[in-house]
Amino acid sequence: MTTASVQRTSLLALISATLVCTPAAFASIVYDNSSTVTDLSTYIGAQNGVELGDEIVLAGTDRTITDFRFEYFLSANASGNEQAQLTFRLNDGTALIPLSSGRKLPNTQFFQISTDSVSGLETGRSTVVANGISATLPLGIKNFTWSVNFTGIEAGEEVGLVLNSPPTIGSSPSDYWQLDNGVWTTGQVDGGAVQGSFAARVTAVPEPSSLALGAFGALAFLSYLSRKRSI
C-alpha cells in the first residue's frame, strides 16, 4: 500500500469515527429560556404530586435531546428530602378548548428521570441539569411538554419553577400546564398579562439516522475521490 493510500485510509477511518461515535460534536441549543432574573418571587409554587409543565417549540432541526436543564426555587427551610421528577410528553392528547387554539393536551410520555439520579435539590434558586440523556422526538414533531413533579414538600416549605420570558431560541405559549389527579389544565400569570413560561434550556443532536446518513455520504464521497486519484 502506498503512502497516499495509507493516508486516505486513515482519513476515512478518522472521519467515520468522528461522525458516528461522537454525536455530541453536532449538538446545538434548540430552546433557550434561561433566566437572568434574580428576584426570588418570580416562580410558580408547586404542591406535592401536582405536576407543573411548559409546552415548548424547538428551533432548528435537531430532535434528539441530549441535555435538558430547568430552574427552580426551594425555600431555605427545606428538610432535605425533596425530590423532583422530570417528564417529557408529546402534545398528542385530546384537543385543548378552545379548539381554535389548535393545541392538544400532553399525553404520550417519551422520557422521564428523577433528581435522585441527577443530583439532590438545593435551596434558593438553582438549576437541575440532566445531561447525557437521549430522548428523540418523532419525525416532524417540534413541540412537546416538559413537566416536573415535586415530592417531599413539607408544611411551611416552598418550591416552584422559575418564570422567565421570552425565550431567546424557540418559543412557548403564554400559559403553563398543570397535572392534578390525572387532569390537565392550563394556568396563567396575572390573567395572561405575563407570559407563563418556565426557565429551561434544551440541547439536541440530529437523529441517529441523520448522523448515519451523513457519515455514509461523507465516506462515499471520500472513497470516490480516493479511487479517482488512484486511476
Foldseek 3Di string as FASTA:
>chain_A
DDPVVVVLVVVLVVLLCCLQVCLVVQKDWFWFQADPDQDQVQFDWDDAQKKWKFKWFTDDAFFWWFKKKFKKAKAPPAPQPKKKKKWKFAQPADADPPNVVVTHHTDHTQDMDMCVVQHTDDHGMDMGMDGRDTTGDPPPDGMIMMIMHMHPADPPMIMGFGFGDDIPHTGTAQWIWMADPNDIDIDHDPVSPGRGDGGMITMGGHDSVVSVVVSVVVSVVSVVVVVVVVD
